[in-house]
Amino acid sequence: MSEGAGRRKGSARARAAPSLPLRPAEVIRDPLWDNIRLDRAALRALDTPAVQRLRYVRQVGHSFLVYPGATHTRFEHALGAYHLTRRAIAALDEVGELPVTLEEDCVAVRMAALLHDIGHYPFSHALEEAGFPSHERLGVRKLAEGELGECLVNIGGKDFPATLGALIAGNSSSPLQGLISGTIDLDKVDYLSRDARMCGVPYGTVDVDRLLSSLTLVEVDHGRSEVGIQEKGISALESLLFAKYQMYRNVYWHHAVRSATCMFKRAVREAVRRGSVSPEGIADSTDDGLMELLIRDNNPLARAIRARRLHKRTLDLSASEAPGDIQPWVASDPDLLERVEDTIAEQVGLTPGSLLIDFPARSAMLGVNLPLRTRSGSIERLTDAGRAGHLGLPRVADELYQSARRLRIFVAAPADRALDGVLDVLTWPAREVERRLNEQLVLV
């Protein structure tokens, strides 16, 4: 396929107008991207209660306990993702790659970028780890509810909320789906850049301008197109992937951040068991609102987090140092993990909630899957195998992931007995662990 085959001459913006004017209605100052221009559709959605809640949900959860500047919010991030999506669409339009038939898609993609985190829980992804439904699922539901749902119907018609939901869930047939969910989605570009800036660390550096200017629409199969990258943008793509690795290793999975996260997960699960709060109430809460509720409920873990009395590490191993046969239930079954934690705590002289095991998983951290337009005009697909002589980072992705991921045991106080046997427990299949728990056998 030649380089020009997938392109259309002229500007889609000049040929068609959406149902609402695209003329910027307001400019918001942003510490990362300077001026963010909002069109009228975005402004209307921005003023709904569901979006305004994001002002009070921090972007990186408990990271502010380590990096004091990390108090930026999902609201700021939503604006940033929207801004980068506008830039990406403009870059594709400038080179004639947006046919008139995609004009409605452009409106939807911009709005999906703005609203992609509408279902987010307080304190980042902690509660999804704790067994609560995914924030994408909640977000899709919220798009059709209340004032926001009415607003979206007024903007794009009765099917507009479902259109945005498909983009956010990653199952839209739009050629622009990759701007919202994929290897080079703009959500990722903003949160890595913003989190690094606000944490004051140099790890999240992404060559944003080069990456955006390298985007292209590629016809991949029987007239179906998707967002890809030109060969000149491979180095910028590598900067994105390596920034993600560095931020997970140094910020998101910092030991104190993970300690607070584990304590918070346990505190919320306990509050739900006691009936102090419902999962539905949590989904509509803000960071401070939920913490105040937990503290009023006399939850000792919540009080300890507020005072920054965090559980300390008694074991800290990289994934490459940990046993290779640690079972999936450690990261994916919070109910079973909690039973194991409290049983071991009792057996080593600690109280329930005083021993917490953490082995976070993000197996696709450095995953790559997108089309590449080479300088000769041919189309290849970049995958986790990388590209010989060009994209080498994915080929070492597993080693980097094993380096960033860590197995930790946190305790509120020293145990009466050694915890060496805990590693063996984590290698037992879930059925064996449940059998021993049910029969009240000694685990360590």
Protein backbone atom coordinates (compact mmCIF):
# COMPACT_ATOMS: atom_id res chain seq x y z
CA MET A 1 0.00 0.00 0.00
CA SER A 2 1.42 3.38 -0.95
CA GLU A 3 1.86 6.11 1.63
CA GLY A 4 -0.80 8.27 0.07
CA ALA A 5 -3.41 5.53 -0.46
CA GLY A 6 -5.04 5.96 2.94
CA ARG A 7 -5.15 9.76 2.79
CA ARG A 8 -7.86 12.11 1.60
CA LYS A 9 -7.25 15.44 0.00
CA GLY A 10 -8.55 18.58 1.66
CA SER A 11 -9.73 19.31 5.14
CA ALA A 12 -12.70 17.52 6.66
CA ARG A 13 -13.23 20.51 8.91
CA ALA A 14 -13.64 22.75 5.87
CA ARG A 15 -16.13 20.40 4.21
CA ALA A 16 -18.57 19.66 7.00
CA ALA A 17 -19.83 21.16 10.21
CA PRO A 18 -20.99 19.13 13.24
CA SER A 19 -24.29 19.73 14.99
CA LEU A 20 -22.54 22.07 17.43
CA PRO A 21 -19.99 24.73 16.42
CA LEU A 22 -16.36 23.76 16.93
CA ARG A 23 -15.23 27.36 17.42
CA PRO A 24 -13.42 27.43 20.79
CA ALA A 25 -15.76 28.91 23.36
CA GLU A 26 -13.31 29.22 26.23
CA VAL A 27 -9.63 28.86 27.09
CA ILE A 28 -8.45 27.23 30.32
CA ARG A 29 -4.92 27.71 31.62
CA ASP A 30 -3.12 24.46 32.35
CA PRO A 31 0.28 24.02 34.05
CA LEU A 32 1.30 21.31 31.58
CA TRP A 33 -0.11 22.28 28.18
CA ASP A 34 -0.56 26.05 28.77
CA ASN A 35 -3.79 26.99 26.94
CA ILE A 36 -6.52 24.37 26.55
CA ARG A 37 -9.27 25.44 24.16
CA LEU A 38 -12.71 23.99 24.82
CA ASP A 39 -15.47 23.82 22.22
CA ARG A 40 -19.09 24.36 23.18
CA ALA A 41 -19.93 20.67 23.48
CA ALA A 42 -17.08 20.13 25.95
CA LEU A 43 -18.09 23.17 27.98
CA ARG A 44 -21.66 21.93 28.32
CA ALA A 45 -20.50 18.54 29.61
CA LEU A 46 -17.86 20.09 31.84
CA ASP A 47 -20.45 21.89 33.95
CA THR A 48 -22.40 18.75 34.90
CA PRO A 49 -22.08 17.38 38.47
CA ALA A 50 -20.63 14.07 37.26
CA VAL A 51 -17.67 15.83 35.63
CA GLN A 52 -17.22 18.39 38.40
CA ARG A 53 -16.81 15.50 40.89
CA LEU A 54 -13.50 14.76 39.20
CA ARG A 55 -12.10 18.00 40.65
CA TYR A 56 -12.03 16.18 44.00
CA VAL A 57 -10.59 12.83 42.89
CA ARG A 58 -6.78 12.82 42.84
CA GLN A 59 -5.12 11.47 39.74
CA VAL A 60 -2.47 9.33 41.43
CA GLY A 61 -4.20 8.24 44.61
CA HIS A 62 -1.94 8.08 47.66
CA SER A 63 1.18 9.23 45.82
CA PHE A 64 0.87 12.63 47.54
CA LEU A 65 2.01 10.91 50.75
CA VAL A 66 5.41 10.49 49.06
CA TYR A 67 5.39 13.28 46.46
CA PRO A 68 3.64 16.28 48.09
CA GLY A 69 2.95 17.94 44.75
CA ALA A 70 0.93 14.99 43.48
CA THR A 71 -2.44 16.48 44.40
CA HIS A 72 -3.57 17.05 40.80
CA THR A 73 -6.94 15.62 39.91
CA ARG A 74 -8.83 13.56 37.37
CA PHE A 75 -10.46 16.81 36.23
CA GLU A 76 -7.13 18.29 35.12
CA HIS A 77 -6.20 15.02 33.45
CA ALA A 78 -9.53 14.90 31.59
CA LEU A 79 -8.86 18.37 30.21
CA GLY A 80 -5.36 17.31 29.18
CA ALA A 81 -6.56 14.18 27.40
CA TYR A 82 -9.20 16.25 25.59
CA HIS A 83 -6.56 18.82 24.57
CA LEU A 84 -4.18 16.19 23.18
CA THR A 85 -7.02 14.52 21.32
CA ARG A 86 -7.90 17.83 19.66
CA ARG A 87 -4.25 18.22 18.66
CA ALA A 88 -4.09 14.68 17.29
CA ILE A 89 -7.22 15.16 15.21
CA ALA A 90 -5.88 18.49 13.93
CA ALA A 91 -2.58 16.82 12.98
CA LEU A 92 -4.40 14.11 11.01
CA ASP A 93 -6.62 16.73 9.37
CA GLU A 94 -3.68 18.87 8.30
CA VAL A 95 -2.27 16.06 6.19
CA GLY A 96 -5.65 15.22 4.67
CA GLU A 97 -6.24 11.92 6.48
CA LEU A 98 -9.72 12.71 7.84
CA PRO A 99 -12.45 12.06 5.28
CA VAL A 100 -15.76 13.87 5.63
CA THR A 101 -17.35 10.66 6.89
CA LEU A 102 -15.28 10.87 10.10
CA GLU A 103 -16.49 14.31 11.18
CA GLU A 104 -19.03 12.89 13.63
CA ASP A 105 -16.36 10.48 14.90
CA CYS A 106 -14.10 13.45 15.63
CA VAL A 107 -16.76 15.05 17.84
CA ALA A 108 -17.35 11.75 19.65
CA VAL A 109 -13.63 11.06 20.14
CA ARG A 110 -13.00 14.50 21.62
CA MET A 111 -15.88 14.02 24.06
CA ALA A 112 -14.79 10.47 24.92
CA ALA A 113 -11.33 11.80 25.81
CA LEU A 114 -12.90 14.40 28.10
CA LEU A 115 -15.19 11.86 29.79
CA HIS A 116 -13.04 8.71 29.79
CA ASP A 117 -12.54 8.80 33.58
CA ILE A 118 -16.10 9.75 34.51
CA GLY A 119 -16.58 6.48 36.40
CA HIS A 120 -13.34 6.62 38.37
CA TYR A 121 -13.37 5.73 42.05
CA PRO A 122 -11.61 7.79 44.71
CA PHE A 123 -7.87 7.13 45.03
CA SER A 124 -6.92 5.93 41.56
CA HIS A 125 -7.22 2.19 40.77
CA ALA A 126 -7.06 0.91 44.37
CA LEU A 127 -10.70 -0.15 44.61
CA GLU A 128 -10.63 -2.03 41.32
CA GLU A 129 -7.78 -4.04 42.83
CA ALA A 130 -10.04 -4.56 45.85
CA GLY A 131 -12.67 -6.31 43.73
CA PHE A 132 -14.98 -3.45 42.78
CA PRO A 133 -16.26 -3.18 39.17
CA SER A 134 -13.98 -1.47 36.66
CA HIS A 135 -14.21 2.29 36.36
CA GLU A 136 -14.76 1.94 32.61
CA ARG A 137 -17.90 -0.08 33.28
CA LEU A 138 -19.17 2.49 35.76
CA GLY A 139 -18.28 5.28 33.36
CA VAL A 140 -20.29 3.78 30.51
CA ARG A 141 -23.31 3.63 32.81
CA LYS A 142 -22.87 7.20 34.04
CA LEU A 143 -22.77 8.53 30.48
CA ALA A 144 -26.47 7.72 30.14
CA GLU A 145 -27.60 8.95 33.55
CA GLY A 146 -28.68 12.24 35.08
CA GLU A 147 -27.68 15.66 33.89
CA LEU A 148 -24.67 14.36 31.99
CA GLY A 149 -26.79 11.88 30.06
CA GLU A 150 -29.27 14.60 29.09
CA CYS A 151 -26.42 16.87 28.05
CA LEU A 152 -24.88 14.23 25.79
CA VAL A 153 -28.21 13.45 24.13
CA ASN A 154 -28.63 17.17 23.42
CA ILE A 155 -25.14 17.31 21.91
CA GLY A 156 -25.23 14.24 19.66
CA GLY A 157 -28.63 12.55 19.79
CA LYS A 158 -30.05 9.61 21.73
CA ASP A 159 -27.28 7.20 20.66
CA PHE A 160 -24.45 9.57 21.56
CA PRO A 161 -23.87 8.23 25.14
CA ALA A 162 -23.60 4.68 23.75
CA THR A 163 -21.18 5.86 21.07
CA LEU A 164 -18.94 7.42 23.73
CA GLY A 165 -19.28 4.32 25.90
CA ALA A 166 -18.02 2.09 23.11
CA LEU A 167 -14.99 4.34 22.62
CA ILE A 168 -14.20 4.39 26.34
CA ALA A 169 -14.63 0.62 26.66
CA GLY A 170 -12.30 0.10 23.71
CA ASN A 171 -14.77 -1.71 21.43
CA SER A 172 -15.79 0.99 18.98
CA SER A 173 -15.52 0.40 15.25
CA SER A 174 -14.36 3.98 14.71
CA PRO A 175 -11.00 4.31 12.91
CA LEU A 176 -10.10 6.82 15.66
CA GLN A 177 -10.60 4.31 18.50
CA GLY A 178 -6.83 4.15 19.03
CA LEU A 179 -6.76 7.75 20.23
CA ILE A 180 -8.87 6.72 23.24
CA SER A 181 -7.71 3.19 23.97
CA GLY A 182 -4.58 1.55 22.63
CA THR A 183 -0.80 1.66 22.49
CA ILE A 184 -0.63 5.41 21.87
CA ASP A 185 -3.90 6.63 23.37
CA LEU A 186 -3.82 10.26 24.48
CA ASP A 187 -4.98 9.39 28.01
CA LYS A 188 -1.63 7.67 28.52
CA VAL A 189 0.36 10.54 27.03
CA ASP A 190 -1.29 13.06 29.37
CA TYR A 191 -1.17 11.08 32.61
CA LEU A 192 2.50 10.14 32.23
CA SER A 193 3.51 13.71 31.41
CA ARG A 194 1.25 15.28 34.04
CA ASP A 195 2.06 12.84 36.83
CA ALA A 196 5.80 13.31 36.32
CA ARG A 197 5.46 17.10 36.31
CA MET A 198 3.35 17.23 39.45
CA CYS A 199 5.42 14.65 41.32
CA GLY A 200 8.58 16.57 40.45
CA VAL A 201 10.34 13.57 38.91
CA PRO A 202 12.14 13.35 35.54
CA TYR A 203 10.85 9.90 34.65
CA GLY A 204 7.74 10.61 32.56
CA THR A 205 9.35 12.46 29.68
CA VAL A 206 7.52 11.79 26.40
CA ASP A 207 8.34 13.36 23.02
CA VAL A 208 4.74 14.51 22.64
CA ASP A 209 5.14 16.82 19.63
CA ARG A 210 6.97 14.19 17.61
CA LEU A 211 4.50 11.50 18.59
CA LEU A 212 1.46 13.56 17.55
CA SER A 213 3.03 14.63 14.27
CA SER A 214 3.77 10.97 13.48
CA LEU A 215 0.18 9.74 13.81
CA THR A 216 -1.46 8.36 10.69
CA LEU A 217 -4.64 6.57 9.67
CA VAL A 218 -3.77 3.22 8.15
CA GLU A 219 -6.03 0.96 6.13
CA VAL A 220 -5.41 -2.45 7.66
CA ASP A 221 -8.10 -4.79 6.38
CA HIS A 222 -10.81 -4.61 3.70
CA GLY A 223 -11.35 -0.89 4.00
CA ARG A 224 -11.05 -0.85 7.80
CA SER A 225 -8.67 1.81 9.12
CA GLU A 226 -7.05 2.41 12.49
CA VAL A 227 -4.66 4.83 14.10
CA GLY A 228 -1.03 3.96 13.46
CA ILE A 229 2.34 5.61 13.49
CA GLN A 230 4.81 6.63 10.82
CA GLU A 231 8.31 5.24 10.96
CA LYS A 232 9.72 8.62 11.97
CA GLY A 233 7.78 8.37 15.24
CA ILE A 234 9.29 5.12 16.53
CA SER A 235 11.70 6.89 18.90
CA ALA A 236 8.81 8.96 20.30
CA LEU A 237 6.85 5.74 20.84
CA GLU A 238 9.79 4.26 22.72
CA SER A 239 9.93 7.38 24.90
CA LEU A 240 6.27 6.75 25.81
CA LEU A 241 6.85 3.11 26.69
CA PHE A 242 9.96 3.77 28.76
CA ALA A 243 8.26 6.65 30.57
CA LYS A 244 5.50 4.25 31.58
CA TYR A 245 8.00 1.74 32.95
CA GLN A 246 9.85 4.42 34.89
CA MET A 247 6.69 5.88 36.41
CA TYR A 248 5.44 2.50 37.58
CA ARG A 249 8.79 1.63 39.07
CA ASN A 250 9.40 4.95 40.82
CA VAL A 251 5.97 6.47 41.50
CA TYR A 252 2.91 4.27 41.09
CA TRP A 253 4.50 1.23 42.74
CA HIS A 254 6.66 3.11 45.28
CA HIS A 255 6.66 1.10 48.50
CA ALA A 256 4.99 3.78 50.64
CA VAL A 257 2.34 4.42 47.99
CA ARG A 258 1.58 0.72 47.84
CA SER A 259 1.47 0.43 51.63
CA ALA A 260 -1.13 3.21 51.85
CA THR A 261 -3.03 1.67 48.93
CA CYS A 262 -3.20 -1.74 50.62
CA MET A 263 -4.38 -0.17 53.87
CA PHE A 264 -7.01 1.85 52.03
CA LYS A 265 -8.32 -1.19 50.15
CA ARG A 266 -8.73 -3.10 53.40
CA ALA A 267 -10.40 -0.11 55.12
CA VAL A 268 -12.99 0.26 52.37
CA ARG A 269 -13.75 -3.46 52.18
CA GLU A 270 -14.32 -3.47 55.94
CA ALA A 271 -16.65 -0.46 55.70
CA VAL A 272 -18.71 -2.19 53.01
CA ARG A 273 -18.96 -5.36 55.11
CA ARG A 274 -20.20 -3.32 58.05
CA GLY A 275 -22.77 -1.56 55.90
CA SER A 276 -21.22 1.84 56.59
CA VAL A 277 -21.07 2.54 52.86
CA SER A 278 -22.38 0.88 49.72
CA PRO A 279 -20.43 0.17 46.53
CA GLU A 280 -22.80 2.57 44.75
CA GLY A 281 -22.07 5.29 47.29
CA ILE A 282 -18.34 4.76 46.89
CA ALA A 283 -18.62 5.17 43.12
CA ASP A 284 -20.07 8.65 43.61
CA SER A 285 -17.68 9.68 46.39
CA THR A 286 -14.67 11.98 46.32
CA ASP A 287 -11.29 11.26 47.93
CA ASP A 288 -11.85 13.40 51.00
CA GLY A 289 -15.52 12.49 51.29
CA LEU A 290 -14.76 8.78 51.44
CA MET A 291 -11.87 9.25 53.87
CA GLU A 292 -14.06 11.30 56.21
CA LEU A 293 -16.68 8.58 56.14
CA LEU A 294 -14.11 5.92 56.99
CA ILE A 295 -12.71 7.98 59.85
CA ARG A 296 -16.18 8.69 61.27
CA ASP A 297 -16.69 4.93 61.12
CA ASN A 298 -13.72 4.59 63.52
CA ASN A 299 -11.70 2.65 60.99
CA PRO A 300 -8.17 2.36 62.41
CA LEU A 301 -6.54 1.88 59.01
CA ALA A 302 -8.14 5.05 57.66
CA ARG A 303 -6.96 6.99 60.73
CA ALA A 304 -3.46 5.61 60.26
CA ILE A 305 -3.40 6.69 56.60
CA ARG A 306 -4.58 10.18 57.53
CA ALA A 307 -1.73 10.44 60.06
CA ARG A 308 0.70 8.79 57.62
CA ARG A 309 1.38 5.92 60.00
CA LEU A 310 1.88 3.44 57.21
CA HIS A 311 2.58 -0.26 57.50
CA LYS A 312 6.28 -1.02 57.03
CA ARG A 313 7.95 -3.49 54.72
CA THR A 314 9.03 -6.75 56.22
CA LEU A 315 9.64 -8.34 52.80
CA ASP A 316 10.41 -6.62 49.48
CA LEU A 317 11.42 -8.67 46.43
CA SER A 318 11.38 -7.88 42.74
CA ALA A 319 9.26 -10.24 40.68
CA SER A 320 12.43 -11.76 39.25
CA GLU A 321 13.65 -12.56 42.80
CA ALA A 322 10.31 -13.92 44.01
CA PRO A 323 9.29 -17.56 43.41
CA GLY A 324 8.37 -17.99 39.78
CA ASP A 325 5.21 -19.96 40.53
CA ILE A 326 3.34 -17.39 42.63
CA GLN A 327 -0.30 -18.06 41.87
CA PRO A 328 -2.69 -15.64 40.10
CA TRP A 329 -5.06 -15.47 43.07
CA VAL A 330 -2.52 -13.30 44.94
CA ALA A 331 -3.25 -10.40 42.57
CA SER A 332 -6.71 -11.29 41.30
CA ASP A 333 -8.73 -12.68 44.25
CA PRO A 334 -8.94 -10.03 47.02
CA ASP A 335 -11.36 -12.13 49.09
CA LEU A 336 -9.02 -15.11 49.29
CA LEU A 337 -5.98 -12.87 49.80
CA GLU A 338 -7.65 -11.16 52.75
CA ARG A 339 -8.44 -14.49 54.40
CA VAL A 340 -4.81 -15.55 53.95
CA GLU A 341 -3.48 -12.25 55.32
CA ASP A 342 -5.61 -12.38 58.47
CA THR A 343 -4.95 -16.07 59.10
CA ILE A 344 -1.19 -15.56 58.83
CA ALA A 345 -1.42 -12.42 60.99
CA GLU A 346 -3.14 -14.40 63.75
CA GLN A 347 -0.58 -17.19 63.51
CA VAL A 348 2.36 -14.78 63.92
CA GLY A 349 0.87 -12.71 66.74
CA LEU A 350 -0.66 -9.81 64.79
CA THR A 351 -4.22 -8.50 64.60
CA PRO A 352 -6.43 -8.63 61.48
CA GLY A 353 -5.42 -5.93 59.01
CA SER A 354 -1.92 -5.68 60.50
CA LEU A 355 -0.33 -7.83 57.78
CA LEU A 356 -0.94 -7.04 54.12
CA ILE A 357 0.48 -8.78 51.04
CA ASP A 358 1.02 -6.81 47.83
CA PHE A 359 1.90 -8.10 44.38
CA PRO A 360 0.32 -5.68 41.87
CA ALA A 361 -0.09 -6.85 38.30
CA ARG A 362 -0.04 -4.93 35.03
CA SER A 363 1.09 -7.56 32.55
CA ALA A 364 0.45 -5.41 29.45
CA MET A 365 2.40 -2.47 30.87
CA LEU A 366 4.62 -2.21 27.80
CA GLY A 367 2.36 -3.91 25.29
CA VAL A 368 2.51 -2.75 21.67
CA ASN A 369 -0.04 -3.45 18.95
CA LEU A 370 -0.50 -0.89 16.18
CA PRO A 371 0.18 -0.48 12.46
CA LEU A 372 3.37 1.13 11.21
CA ARG A 373 3.63 3.06 7.96
CA THR A 374 7.24 2.66 6.81
CA ARG A 375 9.19 5.26 4.86
CA SER A 376 8.72 3.17 1.72
CA GLY A 377 4.94 3.34 2.16
CA SER A 378 4.43 -0.30 3.15
CA ILE A 379 2.40 -1.24 6.22
CA GLU A 380 3.69 -3.47 9.01
CA ARG A 381 2.30 -4.23 12.46
CA LEU A 382 4.30 -3.39 15.55
CA THR A 383 3.78 -5.96 18.29
CA ASP A 384 5.42 -7.05 21.53
CA ALA A 385 8.14 -8.60 19.37
CA GLY A 386 9.23 -5.08 18.39
CA ARG A 387 10.85 -4.42 15.03
CA ALA A 388 14.38 -5.51 14.28
CA GLY A 389 16.76 -2.58 14.21
CA HIS A 390 14.07 -0.09 15.14
CA LEU A 391 11.72 -0.81 18.06
CA GLY A 392 13.69 -2.83 20.59
CA LEU A 393 11.98 -1.90 23.87
CA PRO A 394 9.04 -4.34 23.58
CA ARG A 395 11.47 -7.23 23.18
CA VAL A 396 12.74 -6.61 26.70
CA ALA A 397 9.30 -5.68 28.05
CA ASP A 398 8.99 -8.74 30.26
CA GLU A 399 12.36 -8.10 31.93
CA LEU A 400 11.41 -4.47 32.58
CA TYR A 401 8.05 -5.52 33.97
CA GLN A 402 9.69 -8.06 36.28
CA SER A 403 12.03 -5.31 37.46
CA ALA A 404 9.24 -2.82 38.20
CA ARG A 405 6.86 -5.30 39.82
CA ARG A 406 7.55 -6.15 43.45
CA LEU A 407 6.24 -8.60 46.02
CA ARG A 408 5.93 -6.95 49.42
CA ILE A 409 4.61 -7.82 52.83
CA PHE A 410 3.63 -4.86 55.00
CA VAL A 411 3.11 -5.06 58.75
CA ALA A 412 1.84 -2.61 61.35
CA ALA A 413 4.19 -4.05 63.99
CA PRO A 414 6.94 -6.68 64.17
CA ALA A 415 5.64 -10.25 64.04
CA ASP A 416 6.33 -12.76 66.80
CA ARG A 417 7.51 -15.34 64.27
CA ALA A 418 9.46 -15.29 61.03
CA LEU A 419 7.41 -14.87 57.87
CA ASP A 420 9.60 -16.98 55.60
CA GLY A 421 6.84 -19.52 55.04
CA VAL A 422 4.56 -16.94 53.47
CA LEU A 423 6.30 -17.29 50.11
CA ASP A 424 5.38 -20.99 50.01
CA VAL A 425 1.73 -20.17 50.70
CA LEU A 426 1.66 -17.83 47.73
CA THR A 427 2.68 -20.68 45.41
CA TRP A 428 -0.20 -22.94 46.44
CA PRO A 429 -3.17 -23.20 44.05
CA ALA A 430 -6.30 -21.38 45.20
CA ARG A 431 -8.16 -24.63 45.87
CA GLU A 432 -5.40 -25.86 48.18
CA VAL A 433 -5.32 -22.55 50.04
CA GLU A 434 -9.09 -22.63 50.54
CA ARG A 435 -8.92 -26.21 51.80
CA ARG A 436 -6.34 -25.34 54.42
CA LEU A 437 -8.24 -22.25 55.49
CA ASN A 438 -11.50 -24.17 55.78
CA GLU A 439 -9.82 -26.89 57.82
CA GLN A 440 -8.13 -24.22 59.98
CA LEU A 441 -4.67 -25.63 59.31
CA VAL A 442 -1.47 -23.73 60.08
CA LEU A 443 -0.24 -21.82 57.02
CA VAL A 444 3.19 -20.69 58.24
